[in-house]
Amino acid sequence: MRKSPDRTGAGPGARRVLVRADAITFLSADDHQVRASELGSDDITVLVDEKDAGFNVPLLPVGFNLDLLHTVGELRRKLAADGDTEDHVLTAQVVDGAWVWRVFAVSEPEPRPTS
């Protein structure tokens, strides 16, 4: 899930993008964004944009798109082992000055970024 600040004046955090991990067939990244698309689709979805975290945030780490794949795989294994069938959300946040992938169940509140 990507939560981007509203640039239309409708209020903070008004835009959210949710993408199913199973739908992603192509990932690319640079210092500023992680992008995804489906095979055969020209549509590109920005999963992470460093500008969404505000001012003076670090650039995205090298391999942050690969960290996404690792986190999804680890989460799937953990949930399967625990017998947990609830849907979970994965979101990128800046925590203690570094970009991380954070996970929460849909029944839980989204964890807040920390400085």
C-alpha atoms as a PDB file:
ATOM      1  CA  MET A   1       0.000   0.000   0.000  1.00  0.00           C
ATOM      2  CA  ARG A   2       1.193   3.470  -0.808  1.00  0.00           C
ATOM      3  CA  LYS A   3      -0.224   6.414   1.068  1.00  0.00           C
ATOM      4  CA  SER A   4       0.721   9.646  -0.618  1.00  0.00           C
ATOM      5  CA  PRO A   5       0.062  13.164   0.632  1.00  0.00           C
ATOM      6  CA  ASP A   6      -2.809  14.867  -1.071  1.00  0.00           C
ATOM      7  CA  ARG A   7      -1.660  17.449  -3.558  1.00  0.00           C
ATOM      8  CA  THR A   8      -5.200  18.530  -4.477  1.00  0.00           C
ATOM      9  CA  GLY A   9      -6.092  20.243  -1.213  1.00  0.00           C
ATOM     10  CA  ALA A  10      -8.621  17.585  -0.126  1.00  0.00           C
ATOM     11  CA  GLY A  11      -6.657  16.846   3.037  1.00  0.00           C
ATOM     12  CA  PRO A  12      -3.566  14.939   4.154  1.00  0.00           C
ATOM     13  CA  GLY A  13      -3.221  11.284   3.212  1.00  0.00           C
ATOM     14  CA  ALA A  14      -6.261  11.390   0.939  1.00  0.00           C
ATOM     15  CA  ARG A  15      -4.695   9.159  -1.723  1.00  0.00           C
ATOM     16  CA  ARG A  16      -3.993   5.476  -1.136  1.00  0.00           C
ATOM     17  CA  VAL A  17      -2.862   2.934  -3.688  1.00  0.00           C
ATOM     18  CA  LEU A  18      -3.302  -0.750  -2.905  1.00  0.00           C
ATOM     19  CA  VAL A  19      -1.687  -3.410  -5.117  1.00  0.00           C
ATOM     20  CA  ARG A  20      -1.984  -7.179  -4.680  1.00  0.00           C
ATOM     21  CA  ALA A  21       1.464  -8.749  -4.472  1.00  0.00           C
ATOM     22  CA  ASP A  22       0.307 -11.579  -6.776  1.00  0.00           C
ATOM     23  CA  ALA A  23      -0.436  -9.038  -9.522  1.00  0.00           C
ATOM     24  CA  ILE A  24       3.122  -7.694  -9.678  1.00  0.00           C
ATOM     25  CA  THR A  25       5.196  -9.192 -12.469  1.00  0.00           C
ATOM     26  CA  PHE A  26       7.703  -6.374 -12.967  1.00  0.00           C
ATOM     27  CA  LEU A  27       9.540  -4.262 -10.377  1.00  0.00           C
ATOM     28  CA  SER A  28      11.976  -1.444 -10.948  1.00  0.00           C
ATOM     29  CA  ALA A  29      13.578   1.037  -8.612  1.00  0.00           C
ATOM     30  CA  ASP A  30      15.907   3.976  -8.362  1.00  0.00           C
ATOM     31  CA  ASP A  31      16.904   6.307  -5.533  1.00  0.00           C
ATOM     32  CA  HIS A  32      13.455   7.936  -5.530  1.00  0.00           C
ATOM     33  CA  GLN A  33      10.782   5.353  -6.440  1.00  0.00           C
ATOM     34  CA  VAL A  34       9.828   1.686  -6.530  1.00  0.00           C
ATOM     35  CA  ARG A  35       7.537   0.945  -9.484  1.00  0.00           C
ATOM     36  CA  ALA A  36       5.516  -2.120 -10.416  1.00  0.00           C
ATOM     37  CA  SER A  37       3.446  -3.363 -13.320  1.00  0.00           C
ATOM     38  CA  GLU A  38       1.770  -6.493 -14.629  1.00  0.00           C
ATOM     39  CA  LEU A  39       3.114  -8.550 -17.495  1.00  0.00           C
ATOM     40  CA  GLY A  40       1.647  -7.267 -20.746  1.00  0.00           C
ATOM     41  CA  SER A  41       0.473  -4.004 -19.188  1.00  0.00           C
ATOM     42  CA  ASP A  42       1.784  -0.558 -19.978  1.00  0.00           C
ATOM     43  CA  ASP A  43       0.414   0.742 -16.661  1.00  0.00           C
ATOM     44  CA  ILE A  44       3.061   1.451 -14.053  1.00  0.00           C
ATOM     45  CA  THR A  45       2.125   1.859 -10.406  1.00  0.00           C
ATOM     46  CA  VAL A  46       4.432   3.728  -8.067  1.00  0.00           C
ATOM     47  CA  LEU A  47       4.617   1.672  -4.876  1.00  0.00           C
ATOM     48  CA  VAL A  48       7.009   3.977  -3.026  1.00  0.00           C
ATOM     49  CA  ASP A  49       7.947   7.571  -3.706  1.00  0.00           C
ATOM     50  CA  GLU A  50      10.463   9.195  -1.378  1.00  0.00           C
ATOM     51  CA  LYS A  51       8.563  12.492  -1.688  1.00  0.00           C
ATOM     52  CA  ASP A  52       5.558  10.909   0.078  1.00  0.00           C
ATOM     53  CA  ALA A  53       7.514  10.700   3.345  1.00  0.00           C
ATOM     54  CA  GLY A  54       7.984  14.457   3.525  1.00  0.00           C
ATOM     55  CA  PHE A  55      11.036  16.666   3.484  1.00  0.00           C
ATOM     56  CA  ASN A  56      14.593  15.707   4.384  1.00  0.00           C
ATOM     57  CA  VAL A  57      14.019  11.964   4.145  1.00  0.00           C
ATOM     58  CA  PRO A  58      16.766   9.638   2.937  1.00  0.00           C
ATOM     59  CA  LEU A  59      16.854   8.344  -0.617  1.00  0.00           C
ATOM     60  CA  LEU A  60      15.535   4.822  -1.062  1.00  0.00           C
ATOM     61  CA  PRO A  61      18.198   2.223  -0.317  1.00  0.00           C
ATOM     62  CA  VAL A  62      19.762   0.223  -3.128  1.00  0.00           C
ATOM     63  CA  GLY A  63      17.739  -2.959  -3.613  1.00  0.00           C
ATOM     64  CA  PHE A  64      14.629  -1.677  -1.829  1.00  0.00           C
ATOM     65  CA  ASN A  65      12.523  -3.354  -4.525  1.00  0.00           C
ATOM     66  CA  LEU A  66      14.270  -6.656  -3.755  1.00  0.00           C
ATOM     67  CA  ASP A  67      13.657  -6.075  -0.052  1.00  0.00           C
ATOM     68  CA  LEU A  68       9.957  -5.931  -0.965  1.00  0.00           C
ATOM     69  CA  LEU A  69      10.120  -9.399  -2.524  1.00  0.00           C
ATOM     70  CA  HIS A  70      12.025 -10.763   0.477  1.00  0.00           C
ATOM     71  CA  THR A  71       9.511  -9.264   2.929  1.00  0.00           C
ATOM     72  CA  VAL A  72       6.523 -10.667   0.986  1.00  0.00           C
ATOM     73  CA  GLY A  73       8.121 -14.132   0.926  1.00  0.00           C
ATOM     74  CA  GLU A  74       8.958 -14.077   4.631  1.00  0.00           C
ATOM     75  CA  LEU A  75       5.463 -12.869   5.505  1.00  0.00           C
ATOM     76  CA  ARG A  76       3.819 -15.622   3.426  1.00  0.00           C
ATOM     77  CA  ARG A  77       5.943 -18.311   5.115  1.00  0.00           C
ATOM     78  CA  LYS A  78       5.232 -16.938   8.596  1.00  0.00           C
ATOM     79  CA  LEU A  79       1.479 -16.652   8.020  1.00  0.00           C
ATOM     80  CA  ALA A  80       1.299 -20.158   6.537  1.00  0.00           C
ATOM     81  CA  ALA A  81       3.215 -21.600   9.503  1.00  0.00           C
ATOM     82  CA  ASP A  82       0.928 -19.773  11.943  1.00  0.00           C
ATOM     83  CA  GLY A  83      -2.244 -20.766  10.066  1.00  0.00           C
ATOM     84  CA  ASP A  84      -3.106 -17.069   9.739  1.00  0.00           C
ATOM     85  CA  THR A  85      -5.506 -16.458   6.839  1.00  0.00           C
ATOM     86  CA  GLU A  86      -6.132 -12.751   7.410  1.00  0.00           C
ATOM     87  CA  ASP A  87      -5.051 -10.330   4.683  1.00  0.00           C
ATOM     88  CA  HIS A  88      -2.026  -8.181   5.515  1.00  0.00           C
ATOM     89  CA  VAL A  89      -0.785  -4.881   4.165  1.00  0.00           C
ATOM     90  CA  LEU A  90       2.830  -4.029   3.429  1.00  0.00           C
ATOM     91  CA  THR A  91       3.819  -0.365   3.317  1.00  0.00           C
ATOM     92  CA  ALA A  92       7.087   1.550   3.067  1.00  0.00           C
ATOM     93  CA  GLN A  93       7.850   3.982   5.859  1.00  0.00           C
ATOM     94  CA  VAL A  94      10.774   5.919   7.240  1.00  0.00           C
ATOM     95  CA  VAL A  95      11.540   4.554  10.713  1.00  0.00           C
ATOM     96  CA  ASP A  96      14.365   6.015  12.770  1.00  0.00           C
ATOM     97  CA  GLY A  97      15.725   7.749   9.674  1.00  0.00           C
ATOM     98  CA  ALA A  98      15.773   4.693   7.377  1.00  0.00           C
ATOM     99  CA  TRP A  99      13.334   3.275   4.833  1.00  0.00           C
ATOM    100  CA  VAL A 100      11.755  -0.039   5.879  1.00  0.00           C
ATOM    101  CA  TRP A 101       8.857  -2.239   4.796  1.00  0.00           C
ATOM    102  CA  ARG A 102       6.246  -2.536   7.563  1.00  0.00           C
ATOM    103  CA  VAL A 103       3.477  -5.112   7.766  1.00  0.00           C
ATOM    104  CA  PHE A 104       0.122  -5.000   9.509  1.00  0.00           C
ATOM    105  CA  ALA A 105      -3.087  -7.045   9.414  1.00  0.00           C
ATOM    106  CA  VAL A 106      -6.104  -5.341   7.875  1.00  0.00           C
ATOM    107  CA  SER A 107      -7.836  -5.606  11.249  1.00  0.00           C
ATOM    108  CA  GLU A 108      -5.043  -3.573  12.894  1.00  0.00           C
ATOM    109  CA  PRO A 109      -4.310   0.140  12.638  1.00  0.00           C
ATOM    110  CA  GLU A 110      -1.494   1.121  10.307  1.00  0.00           C
ATOM    111  CA  PRO A 111       1.755   1.540  12.264  1.00  0.00           C
ATOM    112  CA  ARG A 112       2.874   5.146  12.448  1.00  0.00           C
ATOM    113  CA  PRO A 113       6.271   6.145  11.083  1.00  0.00           C
ATOM    114  CA  THR A 114       8.807   7.187  13.683  1.00  0.00           C
ATOM    115  CA  SER A 115      11.497   9.801  13.360  1.00  0.00           C
END
